[in-house]
Amino acid sequence: QAFVGVAAVVRDGVHLGARSFAGAGAG
């Protein structure tokens, strides 16, 4: 259920927690 917003960038190997929310343009 995680969400990654418009133009956000997630670095190699990162774990996104369940239901976490990354806003637009987040790094």
mmCIF file of all heavy atoms, coordinates in Angstrom:
data_MODEL
# 
_entry.id   MODEL 
# 
loop_
_atom_site.group_PDB 
_atom_site.id 
_atom_site.type_symbol 
_atom_site.label_atom_id 
_atom_site.label_alt_id 
_atom_site.label_comp_id 
_atom_site.label_asym_id 
_atom_site.label_entity_id 
_atom_site.label_seq_id 
_atom_site.pdbx_PDB_ins_code 
_atom_site.Cartn_x 
_atom_site.Cartn_y 
_atom_site.Cartn_z 
_atom_site.occupancy 
_atom_site.B_iso_or_equiv 
_atom_site.pdbx_formal_charge 
_atom_site.auth_seq_id 
_atom_site.auth_comp_id 
_atom_site.auth_asym_id 
_atom_site.auth_atom_id 
_atom_site.pdbx_PDB_model_num 
ATOM 1   N N   . GLN A 1 1  ? 0.801  -1.224 0.000   1.00 0.00 ? 1  GLN A N   1 
ATOM 2   C CA  . GLN A 1 1  ? 0.000  0.000  0.000   1.00 0.00 ? 1  GLN A CA  1 
ATOM 3   C C   . GLN A 1 1  ? 0.837  1.279  0.000   1.00 0.00 ? 1  GLN A C   1 
ATOM 4   O O   . GLN A 1 1  ? 0.293  2.383  0.178   1.00 0.00 ? 1  GLN A O   1 
ATOM 5   C CB  . GLN A 1 1  ? -0.968 0.044  1.185   1.00 0.00 ? 1  GLN A CB  1 
ATOM 6   C CG  . GLN A 1 1  ? -2.181 -0.858 1.026   1.00 0.00 ? 1  GLN A CG  1 
ATOM 7   C CD  . GLN A 1 1  ? -3.155 -0.729 2.174   1.00 0.00 ? 1  GLN A CD  1 
ATOM 8   O OE1 . GLN A 1 1  ? -3.323 -1.668 2.950   1.00 0.00 ? 1  GLN A OE1 1 
ATOM 9   N NE2 . GLN A 1 1  ? -3.783 0.418  2.296   1.00 0.00 ? 1  GLN A NE2 1 
ATOM 10  N N   . ALA A 1 2  ? 2.123  1.202  -0.207  1.00 0.00 ? 2  ALA A N   1 
ATOM 11  C CA  . ALA A 1 2  ? 2.935  2.414  -0.228  1.00 0.00 ? 2  ALA A CA  1 
ATOM 12  C C   . ALA A 1 2  ? 2.634  3.249  -1.471  1.00 0.00 ? 2  ALA A C   1 
ATOM 13  O O   . ALA A 1 2  ? 2.152  2.752  -2.489  1.00 0.00 ? 2  ALA A O   1 
ATOM 14  C CB  . ALA A 1 2  ? 4.416  2.061  -0.166  1.00 0.00 ? 2  ALA A CB  1 
ATOM 15  N N   . PHE A 1 3  ? 2.939  4.540  -1.375  1.00 0.00 ? 3  PHE A N   1 
ATOM 16  C CA  . PHE A 1 3  ? 2.710  5.491  -2.460  1.00 0.00 ? 3  PHE A CA  1 
ATOM 17  C C   . PHE A 1 3  ? 3.983  6.280  -2.705  1.00 0.00 ? 3  PHE A C   1 
ATOM 18  O O   . PHE A 1 3  ? 4.596  6.800  -1.767  1.00 0.00 ? 3  PHE A O   1 
ATOM 19  C CB  . PHE A 1 3  ? 1.576  6.453  -2.088  1.00 0.00 ? 3  PHE A CB  1 
ATOM 20  C CG  . PHE A 1 3  ? 1.383  7.586  -3.060  1.00 0.00 ? 3  PHE A CG  1 
ATOM 21  C CD1 . PHE A 1 3  ? 0.569  7.439  -4.166  1.00 0.00 ? 3  PHE A CD1 1 
ATOM 22  C CD2 . PHE A 1 3  ? 2.027  8.797  -2.869  1.00 0.00 ? 3  PHE A CD2 1 
ATOM 23  C CE1 . PHE A 1 3  ? 0.392  8.479  -5.069  1.00 0.00 ? 3  PHE A CE1 1 
ATOM 24  C CE2 . PHE A 1 3  ? 1.865  9.848  -3.758  1.00 0.00 ? 3  PHE A CE2 1 
ATOM 25  C CZ  . PHE A 1 3  ? 1.044  9.690  -4.859  1.00 0.00 ? 3  PHE A CZ  1 
ATOM 26  N N   . VAL A 1 4  ? 4.364  6.395  -4.004  1.00 0.00 ? 4  VAL A N   1 
ATOM 27  C CA  . VAL A 1 4  ? 5.504  7.235  -4.394  1.00 0.00 ? 4  VAL A CA  1 
ATOM 28  C C   . VAL A 1 4  ? 4.984  8.281  -5.374  1.00 0.00 ? 4  VAL A C   1 
ATOM 29  O O   . VAL A 1 4  ? 4.431  7.941  -6.423  1.00 0.00 ? 4  VAL A O   1 
ATOM 30  C CB  . VAL A 1 4  ? 6.625  6.391  -5.028  1.00 0.00 ? 4  VAL A CB  1 
ATOM 31  C CG1 . VAL A 1 4  ? 7.757  7.290  -5.525  1.00 0.00 ? 4  VAL A CG1 1 
ATOM 32  C CG2 . VAL A 1 4  ? 7.169  5.393  -4.017  1.00 0.00 ? 4  VAL A CG2 1 
ATOM 33  N N   . GLY A 1 5  ? 5.146  9.554  -5.026  1.00 0.00 ? 5  GLY A N   1 
ATOM 34  C CA  . GLY A 1 5  ? 4.531  10.647 -5.769  1.00 0.00 ? 5  GLY A CA  1 
ATOM 35  C C   . GLY A 1 5  ? 5.228  11.013 -7.064  1.00 0.00 ? 5  GLY A C   1 
ATOM 36  O O   . GLY A 1 5  ? 6.294  10.479 -7.407  1.00 0.00 ? 5  GLY A O   1 
ATOM 37  N N   . VAL A 1 6  ? 4.630  11.947 -7.768  1.00 0.00 ? 6  VAL A N   1 
ATOM 38  C CA  . VAL A 1 6  ? 5.120  12.399 -9.067  1.00 0.00 ? 6  VAL A CA  1 
ATOM 39  C C   . VAL A 1 6  ? 6.582  12.851 -8.968  1.00 0.00 ? 6  VAL A C   1 
ATOM 40  O O   . VAL A 1 6  ? 6.940  13.675 -8.104  1.00 0.00 ? 6  VAL A O   1 
ATOM 41  C CB  . VAL A 1 6  ? 4.247  13.543 -9.598  1.00 0.00 ? 6  VAL A CB  1 
ATOM 42  C CG1 . VAL A 1 6  ? 4.847  14.145 -10.870 1.00 0.00 ? 6  VAL A CG1 1 
ATOM 43  C CG2 . VAL A 1 6  ? 2.819  13.058 -9.873  1.00 0.00 ? 6  VAL A CG2 1 
ATOM 44  N N   . ALA A 1 7  ? 7.415  12.295 -9.833  1.00 0.00 ? 7  ALA A N   1 
ATOM 45  C CA  . ALA A 1 7  ? 8.825  12.690 -9.960  1.00 0.00 ? 7  ALA A CA  1 
ATOM 46  C C   . ALA A 1 7  ? 9.639  12.461 -8.685  1.00 0.00 ? 7  ALA A C   1 
ATOM 47  O O   . ALA A 1 7  ? 10.737 13.010 -8.546  1.00 0.00 ? 7  ALA A O   1 
ATOM 48  C CB  . ALA A 1 7  ? 8.957  14.135 -10.417 1.00 0.00 ? 7  ALA A CB  1 
ATOM 49  N N   . ALA A 1 8  ? 9.142  11.664 -7.763  1.00 0.00 ? 8  ALA A N   1 
ATOM 50  C CA  . ALA A 1 8  ? 9.947  11.301 -6.598  1.00 0.00 ? 8  ALA A CA  1 
ATOM 51  C C   . ALA A 1 8  ? 11.031 10.307 -7.012  1.00 0.00 ? 8  ALA A C   1 
ATOM 52  O O   . ALA A 1 8  ? 10.884 9.580  -8.001  1.00 0.00 ? 8  ALA A O   1 
ATOM 53  C CB  . ALA A 1 8  ? 9.062  10.694 -5.514  1.00 0.00 ? 8  ALA A CB  1 
ATOM 54  N N   . VAL A 1 9  ? 12.128 10.282 -6.260  1.00 0.00 ? 9  VAL A N   1 
ATOM 55  C CA  . VAL A 1 9  ? 13.255 9.399  -6.560  1.00 0.00 ? 9  VAL A CA  1 
ATOM 56  C C   . VAL A 1 9  ? 13.576 8.576  -5.315  1.00 0.00 ? 9  VAL A C   1 
ATOM 57  O O   . VAL A 1 9  ? 13.713 9.126  -4.218  1.00 0.00 ? 9  VAL A O   1 
ATOM 58  C CB  . VAL A 1 9  ? 14.496 10.208 -6.993  1.00 0.00 ? 9  VAL A CB  1 
ATOM 59  C CG1 . VAL A 1 9  ? 15.678 9.278  -7.227  1.00 0.00 ? 9  VAL A CG1 1 
ATOM 60  C CG2 . VAL A 1 9  ? 14.208 11.019 -8.250  1.00 0.00 ? 9  VAL A CG2 1 
ATOM 61  N N   . VAL A 1 10 ? 13.688 7.272  -5.507  1.00 0.00 ? 10 VAL A N   1 
ATOM 62  C CA  . VAL A 1 10 ? 14.019 6.367  -4.407  1.00 0.00 ? 10 VAL A CA  1 
ATOM 63  C C   . VAL A 1 10 ? 15.370 5.727  -4.716  1.00 0.00 ? 10 VAL A C   1 
ATOM 64  O O   . VAL A 1 10 ? 15.550 5.086  -5.751  1.00 0.00 ? 10 VAL A O   1 
ATOM 65  C CB  . VAL A 1 10 ? 12.944 5.279  -4.228  1.00 0.00 ? 10 VAL A CB  1 
ATOM 66  C CG1 . VAL A 1 10 ? 13.276 4.402  -3.019  1.00 0.00 ? 10 VAL A CG1 1 
ATOM 67  C CG2 . VAL A 1 10 ? 11.562 5.901  -4.071  1.00 0.00 ? 10 VAL A CG2 1 
ATOM 68  N N   . ARG A 1 11 ? 16.308 5.904  -3.830  1.00 0.00 ? 11 ARG A N   1 
ATOM 69  C CA  . ARG A 1 11 ? 17.674 5.414  -4.026  1.00 0.00 ? 11 ARG A CA  1 
ATOM 70  C C   . ARG A 1 11 ? 17.720 3.884  -4.054  1.00 0.00 ? 11 ARG A C   1 
ATOM 71  O O   . ARG A 1 11 ? 16.880 3.200  -3.451  1.00 0.00 ? 11 ARG A O   1 
ATOM 72  C CB  . ARG A 1 11 ? 18.547 5.918  -2.881  1.00 0.00 ? 11 ARG A CB  1 
ATOM 73  C CG  . ARG A 1 11 ? 20.030 5.646  -3.019  1.00 0.00 ? 11 ARG A CG  1 
ATOM 74  C CD  . ARG A 1 11 ? 20.751 6.273  -1.847  1.00 0.00 ? 11 ARG A CD  1 
ATOM 75  N NE  . ARG A 1 11 ? 22.197 6.125  -1.939  1.00 0.00 ? 11 ARG A NE  1 
ATOM 76  C CZ  . ARG A 1 11 ? 23.051 6.672  -1.079  1.00 0.00 ? 11 ARG A CZ  1 
ATOM 77  N NH1 . ARG A 1 11 ? 22.584 7.396  -0.066  1.00 0.00 ? 11 ARG A NH1 1 
ATOM 78  N NH2 . ARG A 1 11 ? 24.335 6.493  -1.222  1.00 0.00 ? 11 ARG A NH2 1 
ATOM 79  N N   . ASP A 1 12 ? 18.734 3.335  -4.755  1.00 0.00 ? 12 ASP A N   1 
ATOM 80  C CA  . ASP A 1 12 ? 18.942 1.887  -4.814  1.00 0.00 ? 12 ASP A CA  1 
ATOM 81  C C   . ASP A 1 12 ? 18.899 1.270  -3.418  1.00 0.00 ? 12 ASP A C   1 
ATOM 82  O O   . ASP A 1 12 ? 19.498 1.787  -2.468  1.00 0.00 ? 12 ASP A O   1 
ATOM 83  C CB  . ASP A 1 12 ? 20.315 1.562  -5.416  1.00 0.00 ? 12 ASP A CB  1 
ATOM 84  C CG  . ASP A 1 12 ? 20.440 1.938  -6.876  1.00 0.00 ? 12 ASP A CG  1 
ATOM 85  O OD1 . ASP A 1 12 ? 19.434 2.371  -7.468  1.00 0.00 ? 12 ASP A OD1 1 
ATOM 86  O OD2 . ASP A 1 12 ? 21.554 1.789  -7.423  1.00 0.00 ? 12 ASP A OD2 1 
ATOM 87  N N   . GLY A 1 13 ? 18.208 0.150  -3.303  1.00 0.00 ? 13 GLY A N   1 
ATOM 88  C CA  . GLY A 1 13 ? 18.240 -0.645 -2.085  1.00 0.00 ? 13 GLY A CA  1 
ATOM 89  C C   . GLY A 1 13 ? 17.388 -0.154 -0.936  1.00 0.00 ? 13 GLY A C   1 
ATOM 90  O O   . GLY A 1 13 ? 17.364 -0.777 0.123   1.00 0.00 ? 13 GLY A O   1 
ATOM 91  N N   . VAL A 1 14 ? 16.646 0.933  -1.127  1.00 0.00 ? 14 VAL A N   1 
ATOM 92  C CA  . VAL A 1 14 ? 15.835 1.487  -0.045  1.00 0.00 ? 14 VAL A CA  1 
ATOM 93  C C   . VAL A 1 14 ? 14.577 0.645  0.158   1.00 0.00 ? 14 VAL A C   1 
ATOM 94  O O   . VAL A 1 14 ? 13.969 0.154  -0.794  1.00 0.00 ? 14 VAL A O   1 
ATOM 95  C CB  . VAL A 1 14 ? 15.467 2.962  -0.343  1.00 0.00 ? 14 VAL A CB  1 
ATOM 96  C CG1 . VAL A 1 14 ? 14.337 3.452  0.544   1.00 0.00 ? 14 VAL A CG1 1 
ATOM 97  C CG2 . VAL A 1 14 ? 16.692 3.848  -0.178  1.00 0.00 ? 14 VAL A CG2 1 
ATOM 98  N N   . HIS A 1 15 ? 14.181 0.480  1.404   1.00 0.00 ? 15 HIS A N   1 
ATOM 99  C CA  . HIS A 1 15 ? 12.921 -0.184 1.741   1.00 0.00 ? 15 HIS A CA  1 
ATOM 100 C C   . HIS A 1 15 ? 11.903 0.867  2.154   1.00 0.00 ? 15 HIS A C   1 
ATOM 101 O O   . HIS A 1 15 ? 12.161 1.678  3.058   1.00 0.00 ? 15 HIS A O   1 
ATOM 102 C CB  . HIS A 1 15 ? 13.103 -1.175 2.888   1.00 0.00 ? 15 HIS A CB  1 
ATOM 103 C CG  . HIS A 1 15 ? 11.803 -1.696 3.426   1.00 0.00 ? 15 HIS A CG  1 
ATOM 104 N ND1 . HIS A 1 15 ? 11.007 -2.591 2.726   1.00 0.00 ? 15 HIS A ND1 1 
ATOM 105 C CD2 . HIS A 1 15 ? 11.135 -1.412 4.589   1.00 0.00 ? 15 HIS A CD2 1 
ATOM 106 C CE1 . HIS A 1 15 ? 9.918  -2.844 3.428   1.00 0.00 ? 15 HIS A CE1 1 
ATOM 107 N NE2 . HIS A 1 15 ? 9.976  -2.147 4.559   1.00 0.00 ? 15 HIS A NE2 1 
ATOM 108 N N   . LEU A 1 16 ? 10.744 0.865  1.488   1.00 0.00 ? 16 LEU A N   1 
ATOM 109 C CA  . LEU A 1 16 ? 9.654  1.777  1.829   1.00 0.00 ? 16 LEU A CA  1 
ATOM 110 C C   . LEU A 1 16 ? 8.656  1.031  2.703   1.00 0.00 ? 16 LEU A C   1 
ATOM 111 O O   . LEU A 1 16 ? 8.118  -0.008 2.303   1.00 0.00 ? 16 LEU A O   1 
ATOM 112 C CB  . LEU A 1 16 ? 8.962  2.281  0.564   1.00 0.00 ? 16 LEU A CB  1 
ATOM 113 C CG  . LEU A 1 16 ? 9.861  2.982  -0.466  1.00 0.00 ? 16 LEU A CG  1 
ATOM 114 C CD1 . LEU A 1 16 ? 9.043  3.427  -1.671  1.00 0.00 ? 16 LEU A CD1 1 
ATOM 115 C CD2 . LEU A 1 16 ? 10.573 4.172  0.163   1.00 0.00 ? 16 LEU A CD2 1 
ATOM 116 N N   . GLY A 1 17 ? 8.411  1.549  3.898   1.00 0.00 ? 17 GLY A N   1 
ATOM 117 C CA  . GLY A 1 17 ? 7.508  0.883  4.823   1.00 0.00 ? 17 GLY A CA  1 
ATOM 118 C C   . GLY A 1 17 ? 6.090  0.802  4.295   1.00 0.00 ? 17 GLY A C   1 
ATOM 119 O O   . GLY A 1 17 ? 5.655  1.606  3.456   1.00 0.00 ? 17 GLY A O   1 
ATOM 120 N N   . ALA A 1 18 ? 5.350  -0.174 4.771   1.00 0.00 ? 18 ALA A N   1 
ATOM 121 C CA  . ALA A 1 18 ? 3.956  -0.348 4.347   1.00 0.00 ? 18 ALA A CA  1 
ATOM 122 C C   . ALA A 1 18 ? 3.164  0.923  4.602   1.00 0.00 ? 18 ALA A C   1 
ATOM 123 O O   . ALA A 1 18 ? 3.297  1.565  5.650   1.00 0.00 ? 18 ALA A O   1 
ATOM 124 C CB  . ALA A 1 18 ? 3.335  -1.518 5.104   1.00 0.00 ? 18 ALA A CB  1 
ATOM 125 N N   . ARG A 1 19 ? 2.379  1.302  3.620   1.00 0.00 ? 19 ARG A N   1 
ATOM 126 C CA  . ARG A 1 19 ? 1.483  2.470  3.674   1.00 0.00 ? 19 ARG A CA  1 
ATOM 127 C C   . ARG A 1 19 ? 2.230  3.783  3.857   1.00 0.00 ? 19 ARG A C   1 
ATOM 128 O O   . ARG A 1 19 ? 1.638  4.782  4.246   1.00 0.00 ? 19 ARG A O   1 
ATOM 129 C CB  . ARG A 1 19 ? 0.426  2.297  4.791   1.00 0.00 ? 19 ARG A CB  1 
ATOM 130 C CG  . ARG A 1 19 ? -0.473 1.081  4.603   1.00 0.00 ? 19 ARG A CG  1 
ATOM 131 C CD  . ARG A 1 19 ? -1.329 0.831  5.841   1.00 0.00 ? 19 ARG A CD  1 
ATOM 132 N NE  . ARG A 1 19 ? -0.491 0.674  7.031   1.00 0.00 ? 19 ARG A NE  1 
ATOM 133 C CZ  . ARG A 1 19 ? 0.170  -0.442 7.342   1.00 0.00 ? 19 ARG A CZ  1 
ATOM 134 N NH1 . ARG A 1 19 ? 0.082  -1.521 6.562   1.00 0.00 ? 19 ARG A NH1 1 
ATOM 135 N NH2 . ARG A 1 19 ? 0.915  -0.491 8.432   1.00 0.00 ? 19 ARG A NH2 1 
ATOM 136 N N   . SER A 1 20 ? 3.524  3.806  3.579   1.00 0.00 ? 20 SER A N   1 
ATOM 137 C CA  . SER A 1 20 ? 4.252  5.076  3.636   1.00 0.00 ? 20 SER A CA  1 
ATOM 138 C C   . SER A 1 20 ? 3.947  5.901  2.403   1.00 0.00 ? 20 SER A C   1 
ATOM 139 O O   . SER A 1 20 ? 3.555  5.385  1.351   1.00 0.00 ? 20 SER A O   1 
ATOM 140 C CB  . SER A 1 20 ? 5.757  4.839  3.781   1.00 0.00 ? 20 SER A CB  1 
ATOM 141 O OG  . SER A 1 20 ? 6.270  4.129  2.679   1.00 0.00 ? 20 SER A OG  1 
ATOM 142 N N   . PHE A 1 21 ? 4.103  7.202  2.528   1.00 0.00 ? 21 PHE A N   1 
ATOM 143 C CA  . PHE A 1 21 ? 3.712  8.152  1.482   1.00 0.00 ? 21 PHE A CA  1 
ATOM 144 C C   . PHE A 1 21 ? 4.894  9.060  1.178   1.00 0.00 ? 21 PHE A C   1 
ATOM 145 O O   . PHE A 1 21 ? 5.366  9.790  2.061   1.00 0.00 ? 21 PHE A O   1 
ATOM 146 C CB  . PHE A 1 21 ? 2.517  8.978  1.962   1.00 0.00 ? 21 PHE A CB  1 
ATOM 147 C CG  . PHE A 1 21 ? 1.970  9.946  0.954   1.00 0.00 ? 21 PHE A CG  1 
ATOM 148 C CD1 . PHE A 1 21 ? 0.851  9.626  0.204   1.00 0.00 ? 21 PHE A CD1 1 
ATOM 149 C CD2 . PHE A 1 21 ? 2.559  11.188 0.769   1.00 0.00 ? 21 PHE A CD2 1 
ATOM 150 C CE1 . PHE A 1 21 ? 0.330  10.525 -0.731  1.00 0.00 ? 21 PHE A CE1 1 
ATOM 151 C CE2 . PHE A 1 21 ? 2.048  12.091 -0.154  1.00 0.00 ? 21 PHE A CE2 1 
ATOM 152 C CZ  . PHE A 1 21 ? 0.938  11.759 -0.905  1.00 0.00 ? 21 PHE A CZ  1 
ATOM 153 N N   . ALA A 1 22 ? 5.391  9.012  -0.057  1.00 0.00 ? 22 ALA A N   1 
ATOM 154 C CA  . ALA A 1 22 ? 6.466  9.899  -0.506  1.00 0.00 ? 22 ALA A CA  1 
ATOM 155 C C   . ALA A 1 22 ? 5.857  10.963 -1.412  1.00 0.00 ? 22 ALA A C   1 
ATOM 156 O O   . ALA A 1 22 ? 5.297  10.644 -2.460  1.00 0.00 ? 22 ALA A O   1 
ATOM 157 C CB  . ALA A 1 22 ? 7.528  9.113  -1.245  1.00 0.00 ? 22 ALA A CB  1 
ATOM 158 N N   . GLY A 1 23 ? 5.939  12.211 -1.028  1.00 0.00 ? 23 GLY A N   1 
ATOM 159 C CA  . GLY A 1 23 ? 5.310  13.286 -1.775  1.00 0.00 ? 23 GLY A CA  1 
ATOM 160 C C   . GLY A 1 23 ? 5.989  13.558 -3.108  1.00 0.00 ? 23 GLY A C   1 
ATOM 161 O O   . GLY A 1 23 ? 7.085  13.062 -3.404  1.00 0.00 ? 23 GLY A O   1 
ATOM 162 N N   . ALA A 1 24 ? 5.343  14.384 -3.926  1.00 0.00 ? 24 ALA A N   1 
ATOM 163 C CA  . ALA A 1 24 ? 5.877  14.736 -5.240  1.00 0.00 ? 24 ALA A CA  1 
ATOM 164 C C   . ALA A 1 24 ? 7.272  15.335 -5.100  1.00 0.00 ? 24 ALA A C   1 
ATOM 165 O O   . ALA A 1 24 ? 7.518  16.209 -4.266  1.00 0.00 ? 24 ALA A O   1 
ATOM 166 C CB  . ALA A 1 24 ? 4.949  15.722 -5.926  1.00 0.00 ? 24 ALA A CB  1 
ATOM 167 N N   . GLY A 1 25 ? 8.199  14.845 -5.926  1.00 0.00 ? 25 GLY A N   1 
ATOM 168 C CA  . GLY A 1 25 ? 9.556  15.372 -5.955  1.00 0.00 ? 25 GLY A CA  1 
ATOM 169 C C   . GLY A 1 25 ? 10.429 14.963 -4.787  1.00 0.00 ? 25 GLY A C   1 
ATOM 170 O O   . GLY A 1 25 ? 11.569 15.435 -4.674  1.00 0.00 ? 25 GLY A O   1 
ATOM 171 N N   . ALA A 1 26 ? 9.946  14.100 -3.921  1.00 0.00 ? 26 ALA A N   1 
ATOM 172 C CA  . ALA A 1 26 ? 10.743 13.690 -2.762  1.00 0.00 ? 26 ALA A CA  1 
ATOM 173 C C   . ALA A 1 26 ? 11.975 12.901 -3.215  1.00 0.00 ? 26 ALA A C   1 
ATOM 174 O O   . ALA A 1 26 ? 11.934 12.176 -4.211  1.00 0.00 ? 26 ALA A O   1 
ATOM 175 C CB  . ALA A 1 26 ? 9.907  12.833 -1.810  1.00 0.00 ? 26 ALA A CB  1 
ATOM 176 N N   . GLY A 1 27 ? 13.057 13.028 -2.457  1.00 0.00 ? 27 GLY A N   1 
ATOM 177 C CA  . GLY A 1 27 ? 14.265 12.254 -2.715  1.00 0.00 ? 27 GLY A CA  1 
ATOM 178 C C   . GLY A 1 27 ? 14.534 11.356 -1.524  1.00 0.00 ? 27 GLY A C   1 
ATOM 179 O O   . GLY A 1 27 ? 14.994 11.827 -0.483  1.00 0.00 ? 27 GLY A O   1 
# 
